[in-house]
Amino acid sequence: MFIGFLPYVIAIFIVTGLFILLIDAKMYKKEKQKKEHKTALILAWLNIAFGLGSFLANWIYNSFIW
Protein backbone atom coordinates (compact mmCIF):
# COMPACT_ATOMS: atom_id res chain seq x y z
CA MET A 1 0.00 0.00 0.00
CA PHE A 2 1.31 3.41 -0.98
CA ILE A 3 1.26 6.05 1.73
CA GLY A 4 1.95 9.42 0.18
CA PHE A 5 0.74 12.95 0.06
CA LEU A 6 -2.31 12.40 -2.19
CA PRO A 7 -4.86 12.19 0.67
CA TYR A 8 -3.59 15.54 1.94
CA VAL A 9 -3.87 17.09 -1.51
CA ILE A 10 -7.42 15.81 -1.88
CA ALA A 11 -8.38 17.19 1.54
CA ILE A 12 -6.77 20.56 0.78
CA PHE A 13 -8.60 20.85 -2.55
CA ILE A 14 -11.97 20.11 -0.97
CA VAL A 15 -11.46 22.25 2.15
CA THR A 16 -10.19 25.26 0.21
CA GLY A 17 -13.05 24.91 -2.26
CA LEU A 18 -15.57 24.93 0.57
CA PHE A 19 -13.80 27.85 2.23
CA ILE A 20 -13.89 29.91 -0.96
CA LEU A 21 -17.51 28.97 -1.57
CA LEU A 22 -18.74 29.68 1.95
CA ILE A 23 -16.60 32.65 2.95
CA ASP A 24 -15.16 34.51 -0.03
CA ALA A 25 -18.06 34.19 -2.44
CA LYS A 26 -20.55 35.38 0.17
CA MET A 27 -18.31 38.32 1.05
CA TYR A 28 -18.03 39.37 -2.58
CA LYS A 29 -21.77 39.01 -3.11
CA LYS A 30 -22.47 41.11 -0.01
CA GLU A 31 -20.12 43.84 -1.27
CA LYS A 32 -21.71 43.65 -4.75
CA GLN A 33 -18.48 42.77 -6.55
CA LYS A 34 -19.83 40.78 -9.47
CA LYS A 35 -16.59 39.77 -11.21
CA GLU A 36 -14.91 38.70 -7.98
CA HIS A 37 -18.02 36.78 -6.90
CA LYS A 38 -18.17 34.91 -10.21
CA THR A 39 -14.44 34.16 -10.13
CA ALA A 40 -14.67 32.92 -6.55
CA LEU A 41 -17.54 30.61 -7.46
CA ILE A 42 -15.65 29.20 -10.44
CA LEU A 43 -12.47 28.63 -8.42
CA ALA A 44 -14.40 27.09 -5.54
CA TRP A 45 -16.22 24.60 -7.75
CA LEU A 46 -13.00 23.79 -9.64
CA ASN A 47 -11.22 23.05 -6.36
CA ILE A 48 -14.04 20.81 -5.20
CA ALA A 49 -14.19 19.07 -8.59
CA PHE A 50 -10.41 18.50 -8.63
CA GLY A 51 -10.55 17.12 -5.09
CA LEU A 52 -13.43 14.77 -5.80
CA GLY A 53 -11.94 13.78 -9.17
CA SER A 54 -8.60 12.97 -7.56
CA PHE A 55 -10.34 10.96 -4.86
CA LEU A 56 -12.33 9.03 -7.46
CA ALA A 57 -9.28 8.40 -9.65
CA ASN A 58 -7.27 7.22 -6.65
CA TRP A 59 -10.08 4.93 -5.53
CA ILE A 60 -10.45 3.43 -9.02
CA TYR A 61 -6.70 2.92 -9.30
CA ASN A 62 -6.43 1.26 -5.89
CA SER A 63 -9.57 -0.86 -6.24
CA PHE A 64 -9.41 -2.09 -9.80
CA ILE A 65 -5.99 -1.51 -11.32
CA TRP A 66 -3.56 -2.09 -8.48
C-alpha atoms as a PDB file:
ATOM      1  CA  MET A   1       0.000   0.000   0.000  1.00  0.00           C
ATOM      2  CA  PHE A   2       1.312   3.408  -0.977  1.00  0.00           C
ATOM      3  CA  ILE A   3       1.262   6.051   1.727  1.00  0.00           C
ATOM      4  CA  GLY A   4       1.948   9.422   0.181  1.00  0.00           C
ATOM      5  CA  PHE A   5       0.736  12.946   0.059  1.00  0.00           C
ATOM      6  CA  LEU A   6      -2.311  12.395  -2.191  1.00  0.00           C
ATOM      7  CA  PRO A   7      -4.864  12.187   0.672  1.00  0.00           C
ATOM      8  CA  TYR A   8      -3.587  15.535   1.939  1.00  0.00           C
ATOM      9  CA  VAL A   9      -3.865  17.091  -1.514  1.00  0.00           C
ATOM     10  CA  ILE A  10      -7.420  15.812  -1.876  1.00  0.00           C
ATOM     11  CA  ALA A  11      -8.383  17.193   1.541  1.00  0.00           C
ATOM     12  CA  ILE A  12      -6.769  20.558   0.780  1.00  0.00           C
ATOM     13  CA  PHE A  13      -8.597  20.847  -2.547  1.00  0.00           C
ATOM     14  CA  ILE A  14     -11.974  20.110  -0.966  1.00  0.00           C
ATOM     15  CA  VAL A  15     -11.461  22.253   2.148  1.00  0.00           C
ATOM     16  CA  THR A  16     -10.189  25.262   0.213  1.00  0.00           C
ATOM     17  CA  GLY A  17     -13.052  24.909  -2.262  1.00  0.00           C
ATOM     18  CA  LEU A  18     -15.567  24.927   0.566  1.00  0.00           C
ATOM     19  CA  PHE A  19     -13.798  27.849   2.232  1.00  0.00           C
ATOM     20  CA  ILE A  20     -13.888  29.908  -0.958  1.00  0.00           C
ATOM     21  CA  LEU A  21     -17.507  28.972  -1.567  1.00  0.00           C
ATOM     22  CA  LEU A  22     -18.743  29.678   1.953  1.00  0.00           C
ATOM     23  CA  ILE A  23     -16.596  32.655   2.952  1.00  0.00           C
ATOM     24  CA  ASP A  24     -15.157  34.508  -0.029  1.00  0.00           C
ATOM     25  CA  ALA A  25     -18.063  34.187  -2.439  1.00  0.00           C
ATOM     26  CA  LYS A  26     -20.555  35.384   0.169  1.00  0.00           C
ATOM     27  CA  MET A  27     -18.315  38.323   1.050  1.00  0.00           C
ATOM     28  CA  TYR A  28     -18.027  39.373  -2.582  1.00  0.00           C
ATOM     29  CA  LYS A  29     -21.771  39.010  -3.110  1.00  0.00           C
ATOM     30  CA  LYS A  30     -22.467  41.113  -0.015  1.00  0.00           C
ATOM     31  CA  GLU A  31     -20.121  43.845  -1.266  1.00  0.00           C
ATOM     32  CA  LYS A  32     -21.707  43.650  -4.751  1.00  0.00           C
ATOM     33  CA  GLN A  33     -18.483  42.772  -6.547  1.00  0.00           C
ATOM     34  CA  LYS A  34     -19.831  40.776  -9.471  1.00  0.00           C
ATOM     35  CA  LYS A  35     -16.585  39.769 -11.207  1.00  0.00           C
ATOM     36  CA  GLU A  36     -14.911  38.703  -7.982  1.00  0.00           C
ATOM     37  CA  HIS A  37     -18.020  36.778  -6.896  1.00  0.00           C
ATOM     38  CA  LYS A  38     -18.174  34.908 -10.208  1.00  0.00           C
ATOM     39  CA  THR A  39     -14.442  34.162 -10.127  1.00  0.00           C
ATOM     40  CA  ALA A  40     -14.673  32.918  -6.545  1.00  0.00           C
ATOM     41  CA  LEU A  41     -17.543  30.608  -7.461  1.00  0.00           C
ATOM     42  CA  ILE A  42     -15.655  29.198 -10.440  1.00  0.00           C
ATOM     43  CA  LEU A  43     -12.471  28.634  -8.423  1.00  0.00           C
ATOM     44  CA  ALA A  44     -14.403  27.088  -5.540  1.00  0.00           C
ATOM     45  CA  TRP A  45     -16.217  24.596  -7.754  1.00  0.00           C
ATOM     46  CA  LEU A  46     -13.004  23.790  -9.640  1.00  0.00           C
ATOM     47  CA  ASN A  47     -11.217  23.055  -6.356  1.00  0.00           C
ATOM     48  CA  ILE A  48     -14.044  20.814  -5.198  1.00  0.00           C
ATOM     49  CA  ALA A  49     -14.188  19.072  -8.585  1.00  0.00           C
ATOM     50  CA  PHE A  50     -10.406  18.502  -8.629  1.00  0.00           C
ATOM     51  CA  GLY A  51     -10.550  17.124  -5.092  1.00  0.00           C
ATOM     52  CA  LEU A  52     -13.430  14.765  -5.795  1.00  0.00           C
ATOM     53  CA  GLY A  53     -11.941  13.782  -9.167  1.00  0.00           C
ATOM     54  CA  SER A  54      -8.604  12.975  -7.558  1.00  0.00           C
ATOM     55  CA  PHE A  55     -10.345  10.958  -4.859  1.00  0.00           C
ATOM     56  CA  LEU A  56     -12.328   9.030  -7.456  1.00  0.00           C
ATOM     57  CA  ALA A  57      -9.281   8.398  -9.654  1.00  0.00           C
ATOM     58  CA  ASN A  58      -7.265   7.219  -6.650  1.00  0.00           C
ATOM     59  CA  TRP A  59     -10.084   4.930  -5.530  1.00  0.00           C
ATOM     60  CA  ILE A  60     -10.454   3.431  -9.023  1.00  0.00           C
ATOM     61  CA  TYR A  61      -6.700   2.923  -9.303  1.00  0.00           C
ATOM     62  CA  ASN A  62      -6.428   1.261  -5.886  1.00  0.00           C
ATOM     63  CA  SER A  63      -9.570  -0.862  -6.244  1.00  0.00           C
ATOM     64  CA  PHE A  64      -9.410  -2.087  -9.801  1.00  0.00           C
ATOM     65  CA  ILE A  65      -5.985  -1.509 -11.318  1.00  0.00           C
ATOM     66  CA  TRP A  66      -3.563  -2.089  -8.480  1.00  0.00           C
END
